Amino acid sequence: VDIHPAATIGKGIFVDHAHGIVIGETAVVEDDVSMLHAVTLGGTGNEKDDRHPKIRRGVLIGAGAKVLGNIEVAEGAKIAASSVVLSNVPAHATVAGVPAKIVGSAGEEDPAFNMDHTLSEK
């Protein structure tokens, strides 16, 4: 686990199988976020200063997902395993793929609590 000491981490964070986690210096992880192993909240290498993602309350991040750049993953969103997220994710949406695209809704108000990694239709 590699969490930069300047990263902002909320309360109630759940990291399941906490190996391979990388959270960059300017990343923000709000309350009640769940993530699995091998998640990276990193920069793209093209930005200076505030260069890491902002993960809002109740987000679920699947195993191996990479969320890169100064982007926002809005409240209650779900990121599928092994996705590469390079742009903002709306509230309560599910994204998947490389690069990640919206594939449906999160299917519930707080996906981080249920840990349901299935994909819902739009």
PDB file of N, CA and C in Angstrom:
ATOM      1  N   VAL A   1       0.855  -1.177   0.000  1.00  0.00           N
ATOM      2  CA  VAL A   1       0.000   0.000   0.000  1.00  0.00           C
ATOM      3  C   VAL A   1       0.897   1.234   0.000  1.00  0.00           C
ATOM      4  N   ASP A   2       0.636   2.151  -0.940  1.00  0.00           N
ATOM      5  CA  ASP A   2       1.422   3.377  -1.067  1.00  0.00           C
ATOM      6  C   ASP A   2       0.458   4.556  -1.100  1.00  0.00           C
ATOM      7  N   ILE A   3       0.245   5.174   0.057  1.00  0.00           N
ATOM      8  CA  ILE A   3      -0.629   6.338   0.166  1.00  0.00           C
ATOM      9  C   ILE A   3       0.246   7.528   0.527  1.00  0.00           C
ATOM     10  N   HIS A   4       0.276   8.519  -0.361  1.00  0.00           N
ATOM     11  CA  HIS A   4       1.087   9.706  -0.093  1.00  0.00           C
ATOM     12  C   HIS A   4       0.563  10.378   1.176  1.00  0.00           C
ATOM     13  N   PRO A   5       1.456  10.837   2.054  1.00  0.00           N
ATOM     14  CA  PRO A   5       1.003  11.439   3.308  1.00  0.00           C
ATOM     15  C   PRO A   5       0.165  12.703   3.135  1.00  0.00           C
ATOM     16  N   ALA A   6       0.243  13.356   1.988  1.00  0.00           N
ATOM     17  CA  ALA A   6      -0.551  14.564   1.756  1.00  0.00           C
ATOM     18  C   ALA A   6      -1.924  14.264   1.161  1.00  0.00           C
ATOM     19  N   ALA A   7      -2.188  13.021   0.777  1.00  0.00           N
ATOM     20  CA  ALA A   7      -3.501  12.663   0.234  1.00  0.00           C
ATOM     21  C   ALA A   7      -4.562  12.889   1.307  1.00  0.00           C
ATOM     22  N   THR A   8      -5.770  13.256   0.866  1.00  0.00           N
ATOM     23  CA  THR A   8      -6.884  13.474   1.788  1.00  0.00           C
ATOM     24  C   THR A   8      -7.758  12.230   1.790  1.00  0.00           C
ATOM     25  N   ILE A   9      -7.866  11.595   2.953  1.00  0.00           N
ATOM     26  CA  ILE A   9      -8.610  10.343   3.081  1.00  0.00           C
ATOM     27  C   ILE A   9      -9.712  10.544   4.114  1.00  0.00           C
ATOM     28  N   GLY A  10     -10.954  10.217   3.735  1.00  0.00           N
ATOM     29  CA  GLY A  10     -12.094  10.369   4.628  1.00  0.00           C
ATOM     30  C   GLY A  10     -12.217   9.220   5.607  1.00  0.00           C
ATOM     31  N   LYS A  11     -13.357   9.155   6.269  1.00  0.00           N
ATOM     32  CA  LYS A  11     -13.604   8.091   7.241  1.00  0.00           C
ATOM     33  C   LYS A  11     -14.446   6.990   6.599  1.00  0.00           C
ATOM     34  N   GLY A  12     -14.383   5.815   7.195  1.00  0.00           N
ATOM     35  CA  GLY A  12     -15.190   4.701   6.716  1.00  0.00           C
ATOM     36  C   GLY A  12     -14.705   4.124   5.400  1.00  0.00           C
ATOM     37  N   ILE A  13     -13.429   4.300   5.079  1.00  0.00           N
ATOM     38  CA  ILE A  13     -12.863   3.756   3.839  1.00  0.00           C
ATOM     39  C   ILE A  13     -12.630   2.263   4.036  1.00  0.00           C
ATOM     40  N   PHE A  14     -13.029   1.472   3.029  1.00  0.00           N
ATOM     41  CA  PHE A  14     -12.827   0.027   3.086  1.00  0.00           C
ATOM     42  C   PHE A  14     -11.926  -0.372   1.928  1.00  0.00           C
ATOM     43  N   VAL A  15     -10.772  -0.952   2.246  1.00  0.00           N
ATOM     44  CA  VAL A  15      -9.845  -1.432   1.229  1.00  0.00           C
ATOM     45  C   VAL A  15      -9.753  -2.943   1.396  1.00  0.00           C
ATOM     46  N   ASP A  16     -10.380  -3.671   0.485  1.00  0.00           N
ATOM     47  CA  ASP A  16     -10.437  -5.127   0.550  1.00  0.00           C
ATOM     48  C   ASP A  16      -9.198  -5.701  -0.130  1.00  0.00           C
ATOM     49  N   HIS A  17      -8.498  -6.597   0.533  1.00  0.00           N
ATOM     50  CA  HIS A  17      -7.262  -7.188   0.005  1.00  0.00           C
ATOM     51  C   HIS A  17      -6.280  -6.072  -0.344  1.00  0.00           C
ATOM     52  N   ALA A  18      -5.850  -5.353   0.660  1.00  0.00           N
ATOM     53  CA  ALA A  18      -5.114  -4.097   0.492  1.00  0.00           C
ATOM     54  C   ALA A  18      -3.670  -4.285   0.049  1.00  0.00           C
ATOM     55  N   HIS A  19      -3.477  -4.815  -1.134  1.00  0.00           N
ATOM     56  CA  HIS A  19      -2.123  -4.806  -1.688  1.00  0.00           C
ATOM     57  C   HIS A  19      -2.173  -4.170  -3.063  1.00  0.00           C
ATOM     58  N   GLY A  20      -1.095  -3.501  -3.421  1.00  0.00           N
ATOM     59  CA  GLY A  20      -1.024  -2.843  -4.720  1.00  0.00           C
ATOM     60  C   GLY A  20      -1.815  -1.554  -4.806  1.00  0.00           C
ATOM     61  N   ILE A  21      -2.222  -0.985  -3.682  1.00  0.00           N
ATOM     62  CA  ILE A  21      -2.975   0.272  -3.676  1.00  0.00           C
ATOM     63  C   ILE A  21      -1.986   1.435  -3.783  1.00  0.00           C
ATOM     64  N   VAL A  22      -2.268   2.382  -4.704  1.00  0.00           N
ATOM     65  CA  VAL A  22      -1.459   3.593  -4.836  1.00  0.00           C
ATOM     66  C   VAL A  22      -2.406   4.786  -4.837  1.00  0.00           C
ATOM     67  N   ILE A  23      -2.178   5.724  -3.915  1.00  0.00           N
ATOM     68  CA  ILE A  23      -2.988   6.938  -3.828  1.00  0.00           C
ATOM     69  C   ILE A  23      -2.032   8.123  -3.817  1.00  0.00           C
ATOM     70  N   GLY A  24      -2.146   8.969  -4.846  1.00  0.00           N
ATOM     71  CA  GLY A  24      -1.213  10.072  -5.048  1.00  0.00           C
ATOM     72  C   GLY A  24      -1.421  11.261  -4.124  1.00  0.00           C
ATOM     73  N   GLU A  25      -0.460  12.148  -4.172  1.00  0.00           N
ATOM     74  CA  GLU A  25      -0.348  13.288  -3.261  1.00  0.00           C
ATOM     75  C   GLU A  25      -1.588  14.173  -3.192  1.00  0.00           C
ATOM     76  N   THR A  26      -2.176  14.537  -4.321  1.00  0.00           N
ATOM     77  CA  THR A  26      -3.309  15.464  -4.312  1.00  0.00           C
ATOM     78  C   THR A  26      -4.645  14.750  -4.457  1.00  0.00           C
ATOM     79  N   ALA A  27      -4.647  13.430  -4.314  1.00  0.00           N
ATOM     80  CA  ALA A  27      -5.897  12.668  -4.380  1.00  0.00           C
ATOM     81  C   ALA A  27      -6.770  12.989  -3.172  1.00  0.00           C
ATOM     82  N   VAL A  28      -8.087  12.920  -3.400  1.00  0.00           N
ATOM     83  CA  VAL A  28      -9.073  13.056  -2.331  1.00  0.00           C
ATOM     84  C   VAL A  28      -9.959  11.825  -2.386  1.00  0.00           C
ATOM     85  N   VAL A  29     -10.090  11.144  -1.251  1.00  0.00           N
ATOM     86  CA  VAL A  29     -11.006  10.010  -1.126  1.00  0.00           C
ATOM     87  C   VAL A  29     -11.959  10.372   0.004  1.00  0.00           C
ATOM     88  N   GLU A  30     -13.223  10.645  -0.345  1.00  0.00           N
ATOM     89  CA  GLU A  30     -14.193  11.054   0.661  1.00  0.00           C
ATOM     90  C   GLU A  30     -14.683   9.853   1.475  1.00  0.00           C
ATOM     91  N   ASP A  31     -15.604  10.096   2.382  1.00  0.00           N
ATOM     92  CA  ASP A  31     -16.121   9.073   3.287  1.00  0.00           C
ATOM     93  C   ASP A  31     -16.791   7.917   2.552  1.00  0.00           C
ATOM     94  N   ASP A  32     -16.733   6.745   3.190  1.00  0.00           N
ATOM     95  CA  ASP A  32     -17.503   5.564   2.787  1.00  0.00           C
ATOM     96  C   ASP A  32     -17.204   5.080   1.375  1.00  0.00           C
ATOM     97  N   VAL A  33     -15.958   5.152   0.968  1.00  0.00           N
ATOM     98  CA  VAL A  33     -15.519   4.623  -0.328  1.00  0.00           C
ATOM     99  C   VAL A  33     -14.980   3.215  -0.113  1.00  0.00           C
ATOM    100  N   SER A  34     -15.279   2.308  -1.050  1.00  0.00           N
ATOM    101  CA  SER A  34     -14.726   0.950  -1.010  1.00  0.00           C
ATOM    102  C   SER A  34     -13.896   0.719  -2.255  1.00  0.00           C
ATOM    103  N   MET A  35     -12.738   0.082  -2.081  1.00  0.00           N
ATOM    104  CA  MET A  35     -11.901  -0.267  -3.227  1.00  0.00           C
ATOM    105  C   MET A  35     -11.251  -1.618  -2.976  1.00  0.00           C
ATOM    106  N   LEU A  36     -10.984  -2.316  -4.060  1.00  0.00           N
ATOM    107  CA  LEU A  36     -10.315  -3.600  -3.969  1.00  0.00           C
ATOM    108  C   LEU A  36      -8.837  -3.452  -4.301  1.00  0.00           C
ATOM    109  N   HIS A  37      -8.130  -4.556  -4.324  1.00  0.00           N
ATOM    110  CA  HIS A  37      -6.680  -4.554  -4.521  1.00  0.00           C
ATOM    111  C   HIS A  37      -6.278  -3.981  -5.881  1.00  0.00           C
ATOM    112  N   ALA A  38      -5.039  -3.511  -5.924  1.00  0.00           N
ATOM    113  CA  ALA A  38      -4.381  -3.032  -7.144  1.00  0.00           C
ATOM    114  C   ALA A  38      -5.045  -1.809  -7.766  1.00  0.00           C
ATOM    115  N   VAL A  39      -5.679  -0.975  -6.953  1.00  0.00           N
ATOM    116  CA  VAL A  39      -6.275   0.274  -7.436  1.00  0.00           C
ATOM    117  C   VAL A  39      -5.216   1.370  -7.396  1.00  0.00           C
ATOM    118  N   THR A  40      -5.166   2.182  -8.467  1.00  0.00           N
ATOM    119  CA  THR A  40      -4.283   3.344  -8.519  1.00  0.00           C
ATOM    120  C   THR A  40      -5.117   4.599  -8.678  1.00  0.00           C
ATOM    121  N   LEU A  41      -4.891   5.565  -7.807  1.00  0.00           N
ATOM    122  CA  LEU A  41      -5.444   6.912  -7.942  1.00  0.00           C
ATOM    123  C   LEU A  41      -4.246   7.804  -8.217  1.00  0.00           C
ATOM    124  N   GLY A  42      -3.916   7.951  -9.491  1.00  0.00           N
ATOM    125  CA  GLY A  42      -2.658   8.569  -9.879  1.00  0.00           C
ATOM    126  C   GLY A  42      -2.810   9.724 -10.843  1.00  0.00           C
ATOM    127  N   GLY A  43      -1.675  10.265 -11.236  1.00  0.00           N
ATOM    128  CA  GLY A  43      -1.628  11.343 -12.217  1.00  0.00           C
ATOM    129  C   GLY A  43      -1.405  10.795 -13.614  1.00  0.00           C
ATOM    130  N   THR A  44      -1.547  11.672 -14.591  1.00  0.00           N
ATOM    131  CA  THR A  44      -1.313  11.279 -15.982  1.00  0.00           C
ATOM    132  C   THR A  44       0.106  11.599 -16.427  1.00  0.00           C
ATOM    133  N   GLY A  45       0.818  12.387 -15.641  1.00  0.00           N
ATOM    134  CA  GLY A  45       2.151  12.835 -16.033  1.00  0.00           C
ATOM    135  C   GLY A  45       2.114  14.115 -16.838  1.00  0.00           C
ATOM    136  N   ASN A  46       0.911  14.582 -17.196  1.00  0.00           N
ATOM    137  CA  ASN A  46       0.761  15.792 -18.003  1.00  0.00           C
ATOM    138  C   ASN A  46       0.355  17.003 -17.183  1.00  0.00           C
ATOM    139  N   GLU A  47       0.108  16.826 -15.889  1.00  0.00           N
ATOM    140  CA  GLU A  47      -0.422  17.900 -15.068  1.00  0.00           C
ATOM    141  C   GLU A  47       0.570  18.281 -13.979  1.00  0.00           C
ATOM    142  N   LYS A  48       0.454  19.497 -13.516  1.00  0.00           N
ATOM    143  CA  LYS A  48       1.253  19.985 -12.390  1.00  0.00           C
ATOM    144  C   LYS A  48       0.288  20.290 -11.243  1.00  0.00           C
ATOM    145  N   ASP A  49       0.801  20.429 -10.058  1.00  0.00           N
ATOM    146  CA  ASP A  49       0.034  20.807  -8.870  1.00  0.00           C
ATOM    147  C   ASP A  49      -1.078  19.798  -8.569  1.00  0.00           C
ATOM    148  N   ASP A  50      -2.343  20.205  -8.682  1.00  0.00           N
ATOM    149  CA  ASP A  50      -3.482  19.344  -8.341  1.00  0.00           C
ATOM    150  C   ASP A  50      -3.705  18.361  -9.486  1.00  0.00           C
ATOM    151  N   ARG A  51      -3.152  17.170  -9.370  1.00  0.00           N
ATOM    152  CA  ARG A  51      -3.069  16.271 -10.523  1.00  0.00           C
ATOM    153  C   ARG A  51      -3.685  14.891 -10.309  1.00  0.00           C
ATOM    154  N   HIS A  52      -4.317  14.685  -9.163  1.00  0.00           N
ATOM    155  CA  HIS A  52      -4.858  13.361  -8.855  1.00  0.00           C
ATOM    156  C   HIS A  52      -6.384  13.401  -8.741  1.00  0.00           C
ATOM    157  N   PRO A  53      -7.033  12.241  -8.816  1.00  0.00           N
ATOM    158  CA  PRO A  53      -8.500  12.199  -8.813  1.00  0.00           C
ATOM    159  C   PRO A  53      -9.128  12.566  -7.470  1.00  0.00           C
ATOM    160  N   LYS A  54     -10.391  12.961  -7.574  1.00  0.00           N
ATOM    161  CA  LYS A  54     -11.239  13.241  -6.420  1.00  0.00           C
ATOM    162  C   LYS A  54     -12.342  12.179  -6.424  1.00  0.00           C
ATOM    163  N   ILE A  55     -12.335  11.340  -5.414  1.00  0.00           N
ATOM    164  CA  ILE A  55     -13.302  10.248  -5.305  1.00  0.00           C
ATOM    165  C   ILE A  55     -14.323  10.662  -4.257  1.00  0.00           C
ATOM    166  N   ARG A  56     -15.562  10.827  -4.671  1.00  0.00           N
ATOM    167  CA  ARG A  56     -16.600  11.340  -3.771  1.00  0.00           C
ATOM    168  C   ARG A  56     -17.248  10.207  -2.969  1.00  0.00           C
ATOM    169  N   ARG A  57     -18.081  10.563  -2.040  1.00  0.00           N
ATOM    170  CA  ARG A  57     -18.688   9.652  -1.069  1.00  0.00           C
ATOM    171  C   ARG A  57     -19.408   8.469  -1.722  1.00  0.00           C
ATOM    172  N   GLY A  58     -19.188   7.288  -1.135  1.00  0.00           N
ATOM    173  CA  GLY A  58     -19.953   6.109  -1.518  1.00  0.00           C
ATOM    174  C   GLY A  58     -19.551   5.439  -2.816  1.00  0.00           C
ATOM    175  N   VAL A  59     -18.403   5.763  -3.372  1.00  0.00           N
ATOM    176  CA  VAL A  59     -17.946   5.175  -4.637  1.00  0.00           C
ATOM    177  C   VAL A  59     -17.394   3.772  -4.393  1.00  0.00           C
ATOM    178  N   LEU A  60     -17.622   2.879  -5.348  1.00  0.00           N
ATOM    179  CA  LEU A  60     -17.064   1.527  -5.339  1.00  0.00           C
ATOM    180  C   LEU A  60     -16.072   1.419  -6.489  1.00  0.00           C
ATOM    181  N   ILE A  61     -14.820   1.040  -6.180  1.00  0.00           N
ATOM    182  CA  ILE A  61     -13.767   0.917  -7.194  1.00  0.00           C
ATOM    183  C   ILE A  61     -13.319  -0.533  -7.246  1.00  0.00           C
ATOM    184  N   GLY A  62     -13.487  -1.167  -8.410  1.00  0.00           N
ATOM    185  CA  GLY A  62     -13.157  -2.575  -8.593  1.00  0.00           C
ATOM    186  C   GLY A  62     -11.666  -2.845  -8.654  1.00  0.00           C
ATOM    187  N   ALA A  63     -11.318  -4.101  -8.488  1.00  0.00           N
ATOM    188  CA  ALA A  63      -9.921  -4.550  -8.468  1.00  0.00           C
ATOM    189  C   ALA A  63      -9.186  -4.130  -9.738  1.00  0.00           C
ATOM    190  N   GLY A  64      -7.989  -3.605  -9.560  1.00  0.00           N
ATOM    191  CA  GLY A  64      -7.130  -3.277 -10.689  1.00  0.00           C
ATOM    192  C   GLY A  64      -7.492  -2.020 -11.440  1.00  0.00           C
ATOM    193  N   ALA A  65      -8.501  -1.285 -10.987  1.00  0.00           N
ATOM    194  CA  ALA A  65      -8.897  -0.058 -11.683  1.00  0.00           C
ATOM    195  C   ALA A  65      -7.826   1.013 -11.516  1.00  0.00           C
ATOM    196  N   LYS A  66      -7.652   1.803 -12.562  1.00  0.00           N
ATOM    197  CA  LYS A  66      -6.723   2.933 -12.561  1.00  0.00           C
ATOM    198  C   LYS A  66      -7.540   4.188 -12.828  1.00  0.00           C
ATOM    199  N   VAL A  67      -7.494   5.133 -11.910  1.00  0.00           N
ATOM    200  CA  VAL A  67      -8.204   6.402 -12.043  1.00  0.00           C
ATOM    201  C   VAL A  67      -7.119   7.468 -12.090  1.00  0.00           C
ATOM    202  N   LEU A  68      -6.997   8.134 -13.245  1.00  0.00           N
ATOM    203  CA  LEU A  68      -5.812   8.954 -13.504  1.00  0.00           C
ATOM    204  C   LEU A  68      -6.173  10.380 -13.872  1.00  0.00           C
ATOM    205  N   GLY A  69      -5.464  11.321 -13.269  1.00  0.00           N
ATOM    206  CA  GLY A  69      -5.623  12.725 -13.605  1.00  0.00           C
ATOM    207  C   GLY A  69      -6.500  13.457 -12.604  1.00  0.00           C
ATOM    208  N   ASN A  70      -6.570  14.770 -12.777  1.00  0.00           N
ATOM    209  CA  ASN A  70      -7.384  15.621 -11.907  1.00  0.00           C
ATOM    210  C   ASN A  70      -8.829  15.559 -12.378  1.00  0.00           C
ATOM    211  N   ILE A  71      -9.478  14.447 -12.071  1.00  0.00           N
ATOM    212  CA  ILE A  71     -10.858  14.204 -12.481  1.00  0.00           C
ATOM    213  C   ILE A  71     -11.692  13.926 -11.239  1.00  0.00           C
ATOM    214  N   GLU A  72     -13.016  13.937 -11.411  1.00  0.00           N
ATOM    215  CA  GLU A  72     -13.922  13.653 -10.302  1.00  0.00           C
ATOM    216  C   GLU A  72     -14.742  12.410 -10.600  1.00  0.00           C
ATOM    217  N   VAL A  73     -14.776  11.512  -9.625  1.00  0.00           N
ATOM    218  CA  VAL A  73     -15.694  10.376  -9.651  1.00  0.00           C
ATOM    219  C   VAL A  73     -16.772  10.741  -8.642  1.00  0.00           C
ATOM    220  N   ALA A  74     -17.967  11.079  -9.151  1.00  0.00           N
ATOM    221  CA  ALA A  74     -19.014  11.665  -8.317  1.00  0.00           C
ATOM    222  C   ALA A  74     -19.661  10.630  -7.395  1.00  0.00           C
ATOM    223  N   GLU A  75     -20.406  11.130  -6.449  1.00  0.00           N
ATOM    224  CA  GLU A  75     -21.021  10.339  -5.386  1.00  0.00           C
ATOM    225  C   GLU A  75     -21.778   9.118  -5.911  1.00  0.00           C
ATOM    226  N   GLY A  76     -21.532   7.981  -5.263  1.00  0.00           N
ATOM    227  CA  GLY A  76     -22.281   6.767  -5.551  1.00  0.00           C
ATOM    228  C   GLY A  76     -21.978   6.116  -6.881  1.00  0.00           C
ATOM    229  N   ALA A  77     -20.880   6.486  -7.525  1.00  0.00           N
ATOM    230  CA  ALA A  77     -20.514   5.868  -8.805  1.00  0.00           C
ATOM    231  C   ALA A  77     -19.848   4.519  -8.563  1.00  0.00           C
ATOM    232  N   LYS A  78     -19.770   3.729  -9.633  1.00  0.00           N
ATOM    233  CA  LYS A  78     -19.139   2.415  -9.571  1.00  0.00           C
ATOM    234  C   LYS A  78     -18.156   2.301 -10.732  1.00  0.00           C
ATOM    235  N   ILE A  79     -16.933   1.844 -10.439  1.00  0.00           N
ATOM    236  CA  ILE A  79     -15.902   1.634 -11.453  1.00  0.00           C
ATOM    237  C   ILE A  79     -15.626   0.141 -11.533  1.00  0.00           C
ATOM    238  N   ALA A  80     -15.799  -0.427 -12.717  1.00  0.00           N
ATOM    239  CA  ALA A  80     -15.606  -1.866 -12.908  1.00  0.00           C
ATOM    240  C   ALA A  80     -14.128  -2.237 -12.809  1.00  0.00           C
ATOM    241  N   ALA A  81     -13.885  -3.483 -12.461  1.00  0.00           N
ATOM    242  CA  ALA A  81     -12.526  -4.005 -12.327  1.00  0.00           C
ATOM    243  C   ALA A  81     -11.722  -3.779 -13.604  1.00  0.00           C
ATOM    244  N   SER A  82     -10.463  -3.446 -13.445  1.00  0.00           N
ATOM    245  CA  SER A  82      -9.479  -3.265 -14.518  1.00  0.00           C
ATOM    246  C   SER A  82      -9.779  -2.114 -15.465  1.00  0.00           C
ATOM    247  N   SER A  83     -10.701  -1.242 -15.104  1.00  0.00           N
ATOM    248  CA  SER A  83     -11.000  -0.079 -15.939  1.00  0.00           C
ATOM    249  C   SER A  83      -9.904   0.971 -15.807  1.00  0.00           C
ATOM    250  N   VAL A  84      -9.751   1.785 -16.851  1.00  0.00           N
ATOM    251  CA  VAL A  84      -8.841   2.929 -16.817  1.00  0.00           C
ATOM    252  C   VAL A  84      -9.699   4.173 -17.007  1.00  0.00           C
ATOM    253  N   VAL A  85      -9.856   4.937 -15.934  1.00  0.00           N
ATOM    254  CA  VAL A  85     -10.744   6.099 -15.923  1.00  0.00           C
ATOM    255  C   VAL A  85      -9.905   7.353 -16.140  1.00  0.00           C
ATOM    256  N   LEU A  86     -10.211   8.073 -17.234  1.00  0.00           N
ATOM    257  CA  LEU A  86      -9.445   9.263 -17.607  1.00  0.00           C
ATOM    258  C   LEU A  86     -10.295  10.525 -17.661  1.00  0.00           C
ATOM    259  N   SER A  87     -11.603  10.402 -17.389  1.00  0.00           N
ATOM    260  CA  SER A  87     -12.489  11.565 -17.418  1.00  0.00           C
ATOM    261  C   SER A  87     -13.507  11.453 -16.287  1.00  0.00           C
ATOM    262  N   ASN A  88     -14.196  12.556 -16.026  1.00  0.00           N
ATOM    263  CA  ASN A  88     -15.154  12.610 -14.926  1.00  0.00           C
ATOM    264  C   ASN A  88     -16.216  11.523 -15.050  1.00  0.00           C
ATOM    265  N   VAL A  89     -16.658  11.026 -13.902  1.00  0.00           N
ATOM    266  CA  VAL A  89     -17.718  10.017 -13.838  1.00  0.00           C
ATOM    267  C   VAL A  89     -18.896  10.654 -13.102  1.00  0.00           C
ATOM    268  N   PRO A  90     -20.094  10.671 -13.727  1.00  0.00           N
ATOM    269  CA  PRO A  90     -21.253  11.280 -13.067  1.00  0.00           C
ATOM    270  C   PRO A  90     -21.719  10.477 -11.850  1.00  0.00           C
ATOM    271  N   ALA A  91     -22.483  11.135 -11.002  1.00  0.00           N
ATOM    272  CA  ALA A  91     -23.045  10.480  -9.820  1.00  0.00           C
ATOM    273  C   ALA A  91     -23.892   9.279 -10.226  1.00  0.00           C
ATOM    274  N   HIS A  92     -23.746   8.196  -9.491  1.00  0.00           N
ATOM    275  CA  HIS A  92     -24.550   6.979  -9.617  1.00  0.00           C
ATOM    276  C   HIS A  92     -24.460   6.322 -10.992  1.00  0.00           C
ATOM    277  N   ALA A  93     -23.358   6.545 -11.695  1.00  0.00           N
ATOM    278  CA  ALA A  93     -23.110   5.874 -12.979  1.00  0.00           C
ATOM    279  C   ALA A  93     -22.134   4.729 -12.752  1.00  0.00           C
ATOM    280  N   THR A  94     -22.161   3.749 -13.662  1.00  0.00           N
ATOM    281  CA  THR A  94     -21.155   2.690 -13.691  1.00  0.00           C
ATOM    282  C   THR A  94     -20.319   2.886 -14.938  1.00  0.00           C
ATOM    283  N   VAL A  95     -18.987   2.844 -14.771  1.00  0.00           N
ATOM    284  CA  VAL A  95     -18.079   2.924 -15.911  1.00  0.00           C
ATOM    285  C   VAL A  95     -17.255   1.649 -15.983  1.00  0.00           C
ATOM    286  N   ALA A  96     -16.877   1.297 -17.219  1.00  0.00           N
ATOM    287  CA  ALA A  96     -16.057   0.103 -17.441  1.00  0.00           C
ATOM    288  C   ALA A  96     -15.267   0.286 -18.719  1.00  0.00           C
ATOM    289  N   GLY A  97     -14.133  -0.408 -18.800  1.00  0.00           N
ATOM    290  CA  GLY A  97     -13.370  -0.459 -20.035  1.00  0.00           C
ATOM    291  C   GLY A  97     -12.085   0.337 -19.997  1.00  0.00           C
ATOM    292  N   VAL A  98     -11.388   0.276 -21.153  1.00  0.00           N
ATOM    293  CA  VAL A  98     -10.119   0.968 -21.341  1.00  0.00           C
ATOM    294  C   VAL A  98     -10.192   1.701 -22.670  1.00  0.00           C
ATOM    295  N   PRO A  99     -10.362   3.014 -22.679  1.00  0.00           N
ATOM    296  CA  PRO A  99     -10.654   3.845 -21.521  1.00  0.00           C
ATOM    297  C   PRO A  99     -12.093   3.623 -21.047  1.00  0.00           C
ATOM    298  N   ALA A 100     -12.358   3.951 -19.797  1.00  0.00           N
ATOM    299  CA  ALA A 100     -13.681   3.708 -19.210  1.00  0.00           C
ATOM    300  C   ALA A 100     -14.741   4.584 -19.857  1.00  0.00           C
ATOM    301  N   LYS A 101     -15.906   3.971 -20.057  1.00  0.00           N
ATOM    302  CA  LYS A 101     -17.082   4.661 -20.586  1.00  0.00           C
ATOM    303  C   LYS A 101     -18.274   4.283 -19.714  1.00  0.00           C
ATOM    304  N   ILE A 102     -19.301   5.126 -19.714  1.00  0.00           N
ATOM    305  CA  ILE A 102     -20.506   4.820 -18.950  1.00  0.00           C
ATOM    306  C   ILE A 102     -21.197   3.621 -19.585  1.00  0.00           C
ATOM    307  N   VAL A 103     -21.474   2.607 -18.767  1.00  0.00           N
ATOM    308  CA  VAL A 103     -22.139   1.390 -19.250  1.00  0.00           C
ATOM    309  C   VAL A 103     -23.485   1.172 -18.574  1.00  0.00           C
ATOM    310  N   GLY A 104     -23.841   2.012 -17.636  1.00  0.00           N
ATOM    311  CA  GLY A 104     -25.122   1.871 -16.951  1.00  0.00           C
ATOM    312  C   GLY A 104     -25.144   2.681 -15.677  1.00  0.00           C
ATOM    313  N   SER A 105     -26.152   2.396 -14.873  1.00  0.00           N
ATOM    314  CA  SER A 105     -26.260   3.066 -13.580  1.00  0.00           C
ATOM    315  C   SER A 105     -25.575   2.217 -12.519  1.00  0.00           C
ATOM    316  N   ALA A 106     -25.314   2.822 -11.384  1.00  0.00           N
ATOM    317  CA  ALA A 106     -24.709   2.075 -10.276  1.00  0.00           C
ATOM    318  C   ALA A 106     -25.703   1.084  -9.686  1.00  0.00           C
ATOM    319  N   GLY A 107     -26.986   1.291  -9.953  1.00  0.00           N
ATOM    320  CA  GLY A 107     -28.004   0.339  -9.523  1.00  0.00           C
ATOM    321  C   GLY A 107     -28.452   0.494  -8.085  1.00  0.00           C
ATOM    322  N   GLU A 108     -27.828   1.404  -7.346  1.00  0.00           N
ATOM    323  CA  GLU A 108     -28.201   1.625  -5.950  1.00  0.00           C
ATOM    324  C   GLU A 108     -27.617   2.951  -5.492  1.00  0.00           C
ATOM    325  N   GLU A 109     -28.097   3.435  -4.371  1.00  0.00           N
ATOM    326  CA  GLU A 109     -27.665   4.728  -3.848  1.00  0.00           C
ATOM    327  C   GLU A 109     -26.204   4.716  -3.392  1.00  0.00           C
ATOM    328  N   ASP A 110     -25.800   3.666  -2.693  1.00  0.00           N
ATOM    329  CA  ASP A 110     -24.461   3.586  -2.112  1.00  0.00           C
ATOM    330  C   ASP A 110     -23.788   2.268  -2.470  1.00  0.00           C
ATOM    331  N   PRO A 111     -23.233   2.143  -3.666  1.00  0.00           N
ATOM    332  CA  PRO A 111     -22.634   0.868  -4.071  1.00  0.00           C
ATOM    333  C   PRO A 111     -21.462   0.434  -3.197  1.00  0.00           C
ATOM    334  N   ALA A 112     -20.794   1.368  -2.544  1.00  0.00           N
ATOM    335  CA  ALA A 112     -19.654   1.013  -1.698  1.00  0.00           C
ATOM    336  C   ALA A 112     -20.064   0.141  -0.520  1.00  0.00           C
ATOM    337  N   PHE A 113     -21.300   0.268  -0.062  1.00  0.00           N
ATOM    338  CA  PHE A 113     -21.753  -0.524   1.082  1.00  0.00           C
ATOM    339  C   PHE A 113     -22.106  -1.948   0.692  1.00  0.00           C
ATOM    340  N   ASN A 114     -22.683  -2.129  -0.479  1.00  0.00           N
ATOM    341  CA  ASN A 114     -23.144  -3.449  -0.914  1.00  0.00           C
ATOM    342  C   ASN A 114     -22.033  -4.278  -1.539  1.00  0.00           C
ATOM    343  N   MET A 115     -21.042  -3.617  -2.137  1.00  0.00           N
ATOM    344  CA  MET A 115     -19.916  -4.294  -2.804  1.00  0.00           C
ATOM    345  C   MET A 115     -20.381  -5.170  -3.969  1.00  0.00           C
ATOM    346  N   ASP A 116     -21.463  -4.782  -4.623  1.00  0.00           N
ATOM    347  CA  ASP A 116     -21.972  -5.521  -5.783  1.00  0.00           C
ATOM    348  C   ASP A 116     -21.227  -5.034  -7.024  1.00  0.00           C
ATOM    349  N   HIS A 117     -20.406  -5.909  -7.595  1.00  0.00           N
ATOM    350  CA  HIS A 117     -19.576  -5.537  -8.744  1.00  0.00           C
ATOM    351  C   HIS A 117     -20.220  -5.870 -10.084  1.00  0.00           C
ATOM    352  N   THR A 118     -21.466  -6.311 -10.089  1.00  0.00           N
ATOM    353  CA  THR A 118     -22.123  -6.609 -11.355  1.00  0.00           C
ATOM    354  C   THR A 118     -22.464  -5.309 -12.077  1.00  0.00           C
ATOM    355  N   LEU A 119     -22.614  -5.401 -13.390  1.00  0.00           N
ATOM    356  CA  LEU A 119     -22.940  -4.233 -14.195  1.00  0.00           C
ATOM    357  C   LEU A 119     -24.440  -4.169 -14.398  1.00  0.00           C
ATOM    358  N   SER A 120     -25.013  -2.971 -14.222  1.00  0.00           N
ATOM    359  CA  SER A 120     -26.438  -2.746 -14.450  1.00  0.00           C
ATOM    360  C   SER A 120     -26.624  -2.142 -15.825  1.00  0.00           C
ATOM    361  N   GLU A 121     -27.746  -2.469 -16.470  1.00  0.00           N
ATOM    362  CA  GLU A 121     -28.035  -1.860 -17.768  1.00  0.00           C
ATOM    363  C   GLU A 121     -28.398  -0.403 -17.574  1.00  0.00           C
ATOM    364  N   LYS A 122     -28.244   0.385 -18.662  1.00  0.00           N
ATOM    365  CA  LYS A 122     -28.588   1.814 -18.612  1.00  0.00           C
ATOM    366  C   LYS A 122     -30.049   1.998 -18.304  1.00  0.00           C
TER     367      LYS A 122
END
